[in-house]
Protein backbone atom coordinates (compact mmCIF):
# COMPACT_ATOMS: atom_id res chain seq x y z
CA MET A 1 101.00 19.84 106.43
CA ASN A 2 104.89 20.54 104.96
CA ILE A 3 108.39 19.99 105.81
CA ALA A 4 108.41 23.30 108.48
CA ASP A 5 105.93 21.09 110.78
CA GLN A 6 108.60 18.58 112.78
CA ILE A 7 110.44 22.41 113.42
CA LYS A 8 107.32 23.73 115.43
CA SER A 9 107.49 20.15 117.24
CA TYR A 10 110.95 20.47 118.53
CA ALA A 11 110.23 24.10 119.27
CA ILE A 12 107.64 22.84 122.04
CA ILE A 13 109.74 19.40 122.46
CA SER A 14 113.70 20.99 123.11
CA PRO A 15 113.46 24.84 122.82
CA ASP A 16 116.54 25.12 123.78
CA LYS A 17 118.36 22.46 121.36
CA THR A 18 120.82 24.03 118.89
CA ALA A 19 119.02 23.54 115.36
CA ILE A 20 121.93 25.82 113.57
CA LYS A 21 125.35 26.46 114.27
CA THR A 22 127.77 28.47 112.96
CA ASN A 23 131.49 29.53 114.07
CA LYS A 24 129.94 32.71 115.17
CA ARG A 25 126.52 32.06 116.75
CA ASN A 26 123.84 29.66 117.15
CA LEU A 27 120.23 29.33 116.76
CA ASN A 28 117.93 26.88 118.80
CA TYR A 29 114.88 25.60 117.46
CA GLN A 30 112.36 27.85 119.76
CA GLU A 31 114.13 30.72 117.77
CA LEU A 32 114.07 29.14 114.49
CA ASP A 33 110.39 28.18 114.67
CA LEU A 34 109.26 31.76 115.91
CA SER A 35 111.37 33.61 113.19
CA THR A 36 110.36 31.26 110.57
CA ASN A 37 107.10 32.44 111.38
CA LYS A 38 107.52 36.46 110.96
CA VAL A 39 109.23 35.76 107.60
CA ALA A 40 106.17 33.56 106.52
CA HIS A 41 103.42 36.23 107.87
CA ALA A 42 105.59 39.11 106.23
CA LEU A 43 105.45 36.91 102.33
CA LEU A 44 102.18 36.42 103.31
CA GLU A 45 101.43 40.41 103.23
CA GLN A 46 103.01 40.61 100.39
CA ASN A 47 100.86 37.88 98.57
CA LYS A 48 98.40 35.18 99.60
CA ALA A 49 97.87 33.23 96.73
CA LYS A 50 98.32 29.95 96.25
CA GLY A 51 101.81 29.04 94.63
CA CYS A 52 103.50 32.93 94.37
CA LYS A 53 107.61 32.47 94.17
CA LEU A 54 110.63 33.71 96.32
CA ALA A 55 113.89 33.44 94.40
CA ILE A 56 116.64 33.75 96.92
CA ILE A 57 120.63 34.66 95.94
CA MET A 58 122.54 34.58 98.60
CA ASP A 59 125.93 33.11 99.79
CA ASN A 60 125.71 30.98 102.81
CA SER A 61 124.11 32.04 106.10
CA ILE A 62 121.35 31.10 108.86
CA GLU A 63 119.30 34.12 107.07
CA PHE A 64 119.17 31.91 104.04
CA LEU A 65 117.97 29.20 105.98
CA GLN A 66 115.06 31.10 107.76
CA VAL A 67 114.34 32.54 104.94
CA PHE A 68 113.83 29.15 103.21
CA VAL A 69 111.60 27.46 105.81
CA GLY A 70 109.87 30.90 106.48
CA ALA A 71 108.56 30.76 103.00
CA ALA A 72 107.79 26.80 102.79
CA LYS A 73 105.40 27.85 106.33
CA ALA A 74 103.65 30.25 103.85
CA GLY A 75 103.35 28.05 101.23
CA TRP A 76 105.69 29.69 98.82
CA ILE A 77 107.99 27.86 95.80
CA VAL A 78 111.42 28.69 96.73
CA VAL A 79 113.66 29.54 93.51
CA PRO A 80 117.25 29.52 94.79
CA LEU A 81 119.65 31.49 92.35
CA ASP A 82 123.77 30.51 92.31
CA PRO A 83 125.35 33.60 93.15
CA LYS A 84 128.35 32.25 90.70
CA TRP A 85 126.05 33.06 87.70
CA SER A 86 126.27 35.37 85.77
CA SER A 87 124.22 38.23 85.17
CA ARG A 88 122.70 36.84 82.29
CA GLU A 89 122.08 33.30 83.62
CA VAL A 90 120.29 34.96 86.59
CA GLU A 91 118.59 37.16 84.05
CA LEU A 92 117.38 34.15 82.04
CA VAL A 93 116.09 32.33 85.28
CA LEU A 94 114.31 35.69 86.61
CA GLU A 95 112.44 35.61 83.07
CA GLU A 96 111.51 31.88 82.96
CA CYS A 97 109.91 32.06 86.81
CA ALA A 98 108.77 35.99 86.97
CA PRO A 99 108.99 35.85 91.01
CA GLU A 100 107.10 37.40 93.34
CA LEU A 101 109.79 38.67 95.51
CA ILE A 102 113.44 38.09 95.43
CA ILE A 103 115.48 38.65 98.38
CA THR A 104 119.32 39.42 97.86
CA GLU A 105 122.25 40.40 100.07
CA ALA A 106 124.09 43.40 98.64
CA ALA A 107 126.87 42.47 97.15
CA TYR A 108 124.21 40.26 94.55
CA LEU A 109 121.96 43.50 94.41
CA ARG A 110 124.59 45.75 92.76
CA LYS A 111 125.91 42.52 90.60
CA CYS A 112 122.30 41.53 89.16
CA LYS A 113 120.98 45.41 88.98
CA THR A 114 119.93 45.05 85.64
CA SER A 115 118.62 41.40 86.22
CA PHE A 116 116.18 43.00 89.15
CA GLN A 117 114.88 46.19 88.28
CA LYS A 118 111.23 44.37 86.76
CA PHE A 119 110.80 42.65 90.54
CA LYS A 120 110.20 43.29 93.92
CA VAL A 121 113.86 43.02 95.97
CA ILE A 122 114.34 42.72 99.45
CA THR A 123 118.08 43.32 100.70
CA ILE A 124 119.01 41.87 103.94
CA GLU A 125 122.61 43.08 105.06
CA ILE A 126 124.19 39.83 106.48
CA ASP A 127 125.47 39.35 109.51
CA ARG A 128 129.02 38.27 109.32
CA GLY A 129 130.55 39.43 112.09
CA GLU A 130 132.28 42.11 110.24
CA ASP A 131 131.02 46.23 109.36
CA THR A 132 129.73 45.94 106.64
CA ASN A 133 128.82 50.15 106.14
CA THR A 134 125.52 49.83 104.44
CA SER A 135 122.33 50.71 104.84
CA TYR A 136 120.12 47.47 104.11
CA LYS A 137 118.18 46.20 106.79
CA THR A 138 118.73 43.21 109.05
CA PHE A 139 116.55 40.15 109.23
CA ASP A 140 115.63 40.96 112.53
CA HIS A 141 114.61 44.95 111.12
CA TRP A 142 112.77 43.47 107.84
CA THR A 143 110.76 40.95 109.87
CA SER A 144 110.24 42.91 113.53
CA ASP A 145 106.91 44.19 112.57
CA PHE A 146 105.30 40.90 111.49
CA PRO A 147 103.58 38.27 113.95
CA ASP A 148 105.53 35.01 115.46
CA THR A 149 102.56 32.73 115.17
CA SER A 150 101.76 29.75 112.78
CA PRO A 151 100.75 30.62 109.39
CA LEU A 152 98.50 28.38 107.60
CA ASP A 153 100.28 25.15 106.77
CA ALA A 154 100.86 24.28 102.80
CA TYR A 155 99.81 21.11 102.11
CA HIS A 156 102.09 18.21 101.33
CA GLU A 157 101.05 18.07 97.47
CA ASP A 158 102.56 21.55 96.84
CA ILE A 159 105.57 22.03 95.03
CA LEU A 160 108.22 23.34 97.46
CA LEU A 161 110.93 24.44 95.12
CA ILE A 162 112.06 24.70 91.57
CA GLY A 163 115.84 24.24 91.43
CA PHE A 164 117.71 25.69 87.90
CA THR A 165 120.09 24.34 86.35
CA SER A 166 123.07 26.64 85.10
CA GLY A 167 122.60 28.12 81.59
CA THR A 168 126.23 27.70 80.11
CA THR A 169 125.01 24.75 78.04
CA GLY A 170 121.66 26.38 77.20
CA LYS A 171 118.49 27.69 78.58
CA PRO A 172 118.33 26.97 82.54
CA LYS A 173 115.91 23.89 82.82
CA GLY A 174 113.92 24.07 86.26
CA TYR A 175 112.70 20.76 87.92
CA LEU A 176 109.55 20.89 90.68
CA ARG A 177 109.87 19.10 94.08
CA SER A 178 107.09 18.75 96.12
CA HIS A 179 106.70 18.76 100.06
CA LEU A 180 105.90 15.49 99.89
CA THR A 181 108.57 14.31 97.93
CA TRP A 182 111.20 15.59 100.17
CA PHE A 183 108.94 14.00 103.29
CA GLU A 184 109.84 11.00 101.37
CA SER A 185 113.36 11.43 101.19
CA PHE A 186 114.14 12.17 104.17
CA TYR A 187 111.86 9.09 106.12
CA SER A 188 114.48 6.84 103.44
CA THR A 189 117.30 8.74 104.22
CA ASN A 190 116.59 8.35 108.05
CA ASP A 191 117.22 4.76 107.46
CA GLU A 192 119.96 4.24 104.83
CA PHE A 193 122.42 6.06 106.66
CA ASN A 194 121.43 5.88 110.26
CA ILE A 195 120.62 9.49 110.88
CA GLY A 196 118.45 10.77 113.60
CA TYR A 197 117.71 13.43 115.96
CA HIS A 198 120.66 13.25 118.29
CA ASP A 199 122.91 13.82 115.27
CA LYS A 200 125.18 16.82 114.12
CA MET A 201 125.05 17.45 110.35
CA ILE A 202 127.59 19.30 108.21
CA ALA A 203 127.28 20.00 104.58
CA PRO A 204 129.74 22.46 103.28
CA GLY A 205 128.97 23.06 100.18
CA PRO A 206 126.85 26.13 98.54
CA LEU A 207 122.97 25.95 100.12
CA VAL A 208 121.63 26.94 96.78
CA HIS A 209 123.00 23.52 95.44
CA SER A 210 120.48 20.72 96.16
CA LEU A 211 123.26 18.26 98.28
CA SER A 212 123.74 21.24 101.12
CA LEU A 213 120.42 22.17 101.31
CA TYR A 214 118.74 19.14 101.00
CA ALA A 215 121.28 18.48 104.17
CA ALA A 216 120.47 21.55 105.93
CA ILE A 217 116.78 20.90 106.05
CA HIS A 218 116.59 17.00 106.50
CA ALA A 219 118.60 17.76 109.81
CA LEU A 220 115.79 20.42 110.38
CA PHE A 221 113.07 18.12 109.64
CA ILE A 222 115.04 15.27 112.03
CA GLY A 223 115.30 17.70 114.90
CA ALA A 224 119.25 17.57 114.23
CA GLU A 225 121.79 20.35 114.84
CA PHE A 226 123.39 21.57 111.58
CA TYR A 227 126.88 23.19 110.83
CA LEU A 228 126.42 25.97 108.36
CA MET A 229 129.83 26.59 107.00
CA GLU A 230 129.30 30.21 105.14
CA LYS A 231 131.96 29.10 102.66
CA PHE A 232 134.12 25.92 101.78
CA GLY A 233 137.59 25.78 102.86
CA ALA A 234 139.44 22.45 103.25
CA GLY A 235 141.38 24.18 106.05
CA ALA A 236 138.64 25.67 107.72
CA PHE A 237 136.94 22.22 107.40
CA LEU A 238 139.42 20.49 109.10
CA ASP A 239 139.04 23.68 112.06
CA VAL A 240 135.39 22.30 112.44
CA LEU A 241 136.80 18.90 112.86
CA LYS A 242 138.64 19.98 115.73
CA THR A 243 135.55 20.63 118.18
CA GLU A 244 132.47 19.09 116.66
CA SER A 245 132.60 15.72 116.75
CA ASN A 246 130.97 12.55 115.64
CA LEU A 247 129.59 14.86 112.41
CA VAL A 248 127.72 13.53 109.73
CA VAL A 249 129.19 14.81 106.42
CA TYR A 250 127.90 15.59 103.25
CA MET A 251 130.07 16.27 100.65
CA VAL A 252 131.29 15.43 96.97
CA PRO A 253 134.55 14.18 96.12
CA THR A 254 136.08 17.15 94.80
CA MET A 255 135.55 18.83 98.51
CA ALA A 256 136.53 15.38 100.35
CA GLN A 257 139.92 15.30 98.38
CA ALA A 258 140.90 18.98 98.67
CA VAL A 259 140.61 17.97 102.83
CA ILE A 260 143.18 14.70 102.92
CA GLU A 261 145.37 17.42 100.58
CA GLU A 262 145.20 19.68 103.53
CA GLN A 263 145.61 17.38 105.98
CA LYS A 264 148.51 15.91 104.63
CA LYS A 265 150.14 18.64 104.89
CA GLN A 266 149.95 19.78 108.44
CA THR A 267 148.41 16.48 110.41
CA ARG A 268 145.60 17.81 112.50
CA THR A 269 144.32 16.52 115.58
CA ILE A 270 140.58 16.14 114.53
CA CYS A 271 137.53 14.20 115.54
CA ALA A 272 136.29 11.78 113.39
CA PRO A 273 133.01 12.02 111.64
CA LYS A 274 130.46 9.64 112.35
CA ALA A 275 130.03 9.06 108.32
CA ILE A 276 130.85 10.69 105.40
CA ILE A 277 127.79 10.97 102.42
CA SER A 278 129.19 11.34 98.92
CA SER A 279 127.55 12.28 95.25
CA GLY A 280 127.60 13.74 92.36
CA ALA A 281 130.31 11.82 90.85
CA LYS A 282 131.64 8.50 91.13
CA TRP A 283 134.21 8.73 94.48
CA SER A 284 137.48 6.97 93.50
CA GLN A 285 138.88 3.97 95.59
CA GLU A 286 141.92 5.70 96.36
CA SER A 287 140.41 8.57 97.98
CA LYS A 288 138.39 6.81 99.83
CA ARG A 289 141.28 4.82 101.25
CA GLU A 290 142.82 7.93 102.30
CA VAL A 291 139.60 9.01 103.43
CA THR A 292 140.24 6.11 106.03
CA LYS A 293 144.02 6.82 106.79
CA TYR A 294 143.93 10.54 107.02
CA LEU A 295 139.77 11.26 108.54
CA PHE A 296 139.72 8.50 110.47
CA THR A 297 136.67 7.41 109.68
CA THR A 298 135.58 3.96 107.56
CA ASN A 299 131.59 4.56 107.56
CA ILE A 300 131.96 5.84 104.11
CA TYR A 301 128.36 6.24 102.03
CA GLU A 302 128.27 7.28 98.20
CA PHE A 303 124.68 7.31 96.49
CA TYR A 304 123.50 8.04 92.95
CA GLY A 305 120.39 10.32 92.26
CA SER A 306 119.80 12.93 90.51
CA SER A 307 117.82 16.30 90.72
CA GLU A 308 114.96 14.66 89.09
CA ALA A 309 114.99 11.21 90.53
CA SER A 310 116.49 12.18 93.99
CA PHE A 311 117.95 9.04 95.79
CA ILE A 312 117.89 5.94 93.73
CA THR A 313 121.11 3.68 94.74
CA VAL A 314 123.46 3.78 97.93
CA LEU A 315 126.76 1.88 98.32
CA ASN A 316 126.79 1.22 101.95
CA PRO A 317 130.66 0.73 103.83
CA GLU A 318 129.81 -3.03 103.63
CA GLY A 319 129.27 -2.68 99.52
CA ASN A 320 132.62 -0.12 99.37
CA GLN A 321 134.64 -3.50 100.85
CA SER A 322 132.83 -5.96 98.34
CA LYS A 323 131.79 -4.11 95.11
CA PRO A 324 133.78 -0.36 95.12
CA ASP A 325 133.28 -0.02 91.40
CA SER A 326 129.83 0.07 92.07
CA VAL A 327 127.18 2.92 92.90
CA GLY A 328 125.08 0.06 95.22
CA ARG A 329 121.84 -1.36 95.02
CA ALA A 330 118.55 0.53 94.45
CA PHE A 331 117.73 3.24 97.20
CA ARG A 332 114.61 2.04 99.69
CA HIS A 333 111.28 2.63 98.14
CA VAL A 334 113.02 2.21 94.89
CA GLU A 335 112.15 0.34 92.07
CA ILE A 336 115.07 0.26 88.93
CA SER A 337 114.43 -1.13 85.14
CA ILE A 338 117.40 -1.41 83.40
CA ARG A 339 116.24 -1.48 79.70
CA ASP A 340 117.09 -1.61 75.94
CA LYS A 341 116.10 0.60 73.14
CA ASP A 342 112.85 -1.36 72.82
CA GLY A 343 112.01 -0.62 76.61
CA ASN A 344 112.64 -4.55 77.25
CA GLU A 345 114.21 -5.15 80.88
CA VAL A 346 117.86 -6.46 79.68
CA LYS A 347 119.16 -9.84 81.75
CA ASN A 348 122.24 -9.38 84.44
CA ASP A 349 125.18 -8.03 83.37
CA GLU A 350 124.01 -6.20 80.03
CA ILE A 351 123.74 -2.73 79.48
CA GLY A 352 120.41 -0.62 79.30
CA LYS A 353 119.15 2.40 80.26
CA ILE A 354 117.82 3.29 83.50
CA PHE A 355 114.12 3.79 84.72
CA ILE A 356 113.25 4.54 88.07
CA LYS A 357 109.98 4.55 90.26
CA SER A 358 109.40 6.03 93.81
CA ASN A 359 107.42 8.45 95.64
CA MET A 360 110.61 10.44 95.30
CA ILE A 361 110.43 11.56 91.62
CA PHE A 362 109.93 15.54 90.82
CA SER A 363 106.41 16.87 89.62
CA GLY A 364 108.18 17.76 86.30
CA TYR A 365 110.16 20.78 84.47
CA PHE A 366 109.06 23.74 84.72
CA LYS A 367 107.04 25.12 81.71
CA MET A 368 108.22 22.58 79.82
CA PRO A 369 105.30 19.47 79.46
CA GLU A 370 107.31 18.01 76.56
CA GLU A 371 110.53 17.93 78.09
CA SER A 372 108.05 16.31 81.11
CA LYS A 373 106.48 13.71 79.20
CA ARG A 374 110.01 12.77 77.60
CA VAL A 375 111.33 11.61 80.36
CA MET A 376 107.97 10.17 82.20
CA HIS A 377 106.75 6.66 81.25
CA GLY A 378 103.72 6.15 83.32
CA GLU A 379 105.11 6.19 86.73
CA TRP A 380 108.57 5.51 85.39
CA LEU A 381 111.31 7.89 85.28
CA GLU A 382 113.89 7.34 82.31
CA THR A 383 117.17 8.85 83.54
CA GLY A 384 119.60 8.61 80.47
CA ASP A 385 122.34 6.83 81.91
CA TYR A 386 123.19 3.81 81.17
CA ALA A 387 124.46 0.65 83.36
CA LYS A 388 123.89 -2.94 83.92
CA ARG A 389 123.12 -5.17 87.23
CA ASP A 390 125.20 -7.82 88.44
CA GLU A 391 123.55 -10.95 90.03
CA ASP A 392 123.67 -9.70 93.57
CA ASN A 393 121.59 -6.47 92.70
CA PHE A 394 124.81 -4.54 92.47
CA ILE A 395 123.97 -1.75 89.68
CA PHE A 396 126.93 0.13 87.87
CA ILE A 397 126.63 2.92 85.74
CA VAL A 398 128.38 2.41 82.29
CA GLY A 399 127.95 6.04 81.22
CA ARG A 400 125.95 8.95 81.10
CA ALA A 401 123.80 9.62 77.85
CA LYS A 402 124.78 13.28 77.95
CA ASN A 403 128.46 12.44 77.80
CA MET A 404 128.30 9.55 75.70
CA ILE A 405 129.90 9.41 72.41
CA ILE A 406 129.16 8.11 68.94
CA SER A 407 131.70 7.09 67.01
CA GLY A 408 132.08 5.65 63.43
CA GLY A 409 128.36 4.68 64.36
CA LEU A 410 129.55 2.58 67.79
CA ASN A 411 128.78 4.03 71.54
CA ILE A 412 131.65 4.79 73.34
CA TYR A 413 131.10 5.49 77.43
CA PRO A 414 133.45 7.89 78.45
CA GLU A 415 133.27 6.81 82.33
CA GLU A 416 134.31 3.08 80.97
CA ILE A 417 137.68 4.57 79.52
CA GLU A 418 138.84 6.93 82.17
CA HIS A 419 138.04 3.51 84.84
CA VAL A 420 140.92 1.99 83.07
CA LEU A 421 143.37 5.16 82.59
CA ASN A 422 142.73 5.89 85.99
CA GLY A 423 144.23 2.86 87.08
CA LEU A 424 147.87 4.10 85.65
CA ASP A 425 150.70 5.14 88.27
CA GLU A 426 151.75 7.90 85.84
CA ILE A 427 148.37 8.98 85.98
CA ASP A 428 146.73 11.72 88.32
CA GLU A 429 143.19 12.07 86.78
CA ALA A 430 142.12 11.75 83.18
CA ILE A 431 138.54 12.80 81.69
CA ILE A 432 137.22 11.08 77.95
CA ALA A 433 135.55 13.94 76.31
CA GLY A 434 134.15 13.44 72.35
CA CYS A 435 135.44 15.85 69.86
CA PRO A 436 134.60 16.63 66.10
CA ASP A 437 136.10 14.19 63.81
CA ARG A 438 135.61 14.63 60.18
CA TYR A 439 135.78 10.62 59.68
CA TRP A 440 134.24 9.24 62.54
CA GLY A 441 131.74 11.68 63.49
CA GLU A 442 133.34 12.25 66.71
CA LYS A 443 136.61 10.98 68.70
CA PRO A 444 137.42 10.08 72.24
CA VAL A 445 140.20 12.21 73.69
CA ALA A 446 141.90 11.42 76.67
CA PHE A 447 142.46 15.36 79.30
CA ILE A 448 145.45 13.62 81.48
CA LYS A 449 146.74 15.46 84.26
CA TRP A 450 150.08 13.28 85.09
CA ASN A 451 150.97 12.05 88.33
CA THR A 452 154.59 13.03 88.09
CA LYS A 453 156.71 14.61 85.61
CA GLN A 454 156.58 11.63 83.46
CA THR A 455 154.42 10.97 80.84
CA LEU A 456 153.57 8.55 78.47
CA THR A 457 153.22 8.62 74.74
CA LEU A 458 149.61 8.27 72.93
CA GLN A 459 150.93 5.21 71.64
CA GLU A 460 151.34 3.55 74.96
CA VAL A 461 148.02 4.83 76.34
CA LYS A 462 146.62 2.82 73.53
CA ASP A 463 148.67 -0.26 74.38
CA TYR A 464 147.59 -0.30 78.02
CA CYS A 465 143.84 0.29 77.01
CA GLY A 466 144.13 -2.59 74.91
CA ARG A 467 144.44 -4.61 77.44
CA TYR A 468 140.86 -3.71 78.66
CA LEU A 469 139.10 -2.76 75.96
CA ALA A 470 138.25 -2.55 72.92
CA SER A 471 140.33 -0.85 70.15
CA PHE A 472 137.67 1.29 68.92
CA LYS A 473 137.16 3.03 72.84
CA LYS A 474 141.03 3.88 72.97
CA PRO A 475 141.83 7.68 73.00
CA ARG A 476 142.75 8.82 69.53
CA GLU A 477 144.80 11.85 71.27
CA ILE A 478 145.59 13.19 74.49
CA ILE A 479 146.07 16.48 75.87
CA HIS A 480 148.10 17.68 78.93
CA VAL A 481 146.12 19.41 81.19
CA ASP A 482 147.41 21.23 84.45
CA SER A 483 143.94 21.32 86.19
CA PHE A 484 140.43 20.51 85.16
CA PRO A 485 137.73 23.42 85.44
CA TYR A 486 134.70 22.26 87.53
CA THR A 487 131.23 23.36 88.27
CA SER A 488 130.35 24.88 91.30
CA SER A 489 128.74 22.02 92.53
CA GLY A 490 132.16 19.93 91.94
CA LYS A 491 131.90 17.91 88.68
CA ILE A 492 134.20 18.02 85.61
CA ALA A 493 132.50 20.37 83.22
CA ARG A 494 133.42 18.19 80.74
CA GLN A 495 131.79 20.27 78.11
CA GLN A 496 134.20 23.33 78.99
CA LEU A 497 137.17 21.10 77.99
CA ILE A 498 135.42 19.68 74.54
CA ASP A 499 135.04 24.36 74.01
CA LYS A 500 138.80 25.40 74.88
CA TYR A 501 140.06 22.27 73.00
CA LEU A 502 137.62 23.72 69.59
CA VAL A 503 139.37 27.22 70.24
CA GLY A 504 142.96 26.01 70.84
CA GLU A 505 142.46 26.79 74.23
CA ILE A 506 144.39 23.59 75.36
CA TYR A 507 147.44 22.56 73.96
CA GLU A 508 149.36 18.85 73.56
């Protein structure tokens, strides 16, 4: 049994129902089932050994999903590679995982030519509604000689994918996810977000990122319709909302804000989404209020999770009203333990490190047994994040371990300071980062994007922070920025700010 089994059922029950839709074409469940069977047989002809790895480096397309589902049917392990990575990052991941096959499209064959030389590569010409003038095979041409019958199933304990983080801060680290953990995630998601067979879903981010890929495969698993955008654009997304009603939307907060700003410029008549589900970073209250005003939906969910843990907590629409600063309560079938440095459970409102237990946890890091042992404590996963729990069992993230600043031996959580600074009218957005300091070791530096031409002095910022924070948590320096760098998954690239600060590329 694997994640593609349900697709076979829908091909029988509702063969003509749309499975994947774009602004150019549709693929129904029968077409999806038959085409992915062909992919599976094509892969099995390459190699029938268990645990073969397929690297995919493609932009968003129906073909991407056909290849992914076909690989799952064949029992192959998928390794999605981010097209935005440098050739060096691609090379590092390929050397690490040594895939039996790479499937790509022409643009990335040229970009990654050196990295691909050691491996077998199939290049597919993607139908994007334009004349590409290439000699590469189309998807249908590649699979035409293979049967459309069902292949042998993979087992649910088998590894489904290896997801790699970008190597911008060091060696890329791969995490293993099994078919079973995705099953468990799908079932819990159905309940928490009230999603089912009759829904339509969209996740406008890159499929190579876990949020969008998960949303797409979840939609197909439950027989829903998935609307696929080849590339995110705020205007293009609003155009989708003109014609597609009652969509369940998965997006990160930066995408939501971009859509809001676009809607402000030229108010369009759109269909209100059934729900918006956000993750990747804490979504500001102001932005959520604007979603209600400009996108006409109050059905807003946030969830806190990670690639290793899947879902951890959820903040549902009711929680958004009562505890908007929290990340919600534990997700279904997830146990949360908040512990001190000695491993003891802390009391309510005390800060500790988060440990979780669930059936959605990853299977370890790829070729990194010591790192896997470091984060796994029996059945419990150590997240590395610090939090506290209130009397109503709502969880409040205090800081991420990787962002924590140690200044004069004291722990400072940037997120706590950011929450205070972002309450100032003069500030559009503030990010706190730990920068080297000869005396203190590290010091909290505030990178601020101002809301207006009127700015505040460092002392004025310190005085304001002094109302809410201990003195050692006050920013020691202010750096003006016109915009923030973002990762390809929509998170602020905090390390890039620090790196630019160190070489003097950002100035006060």
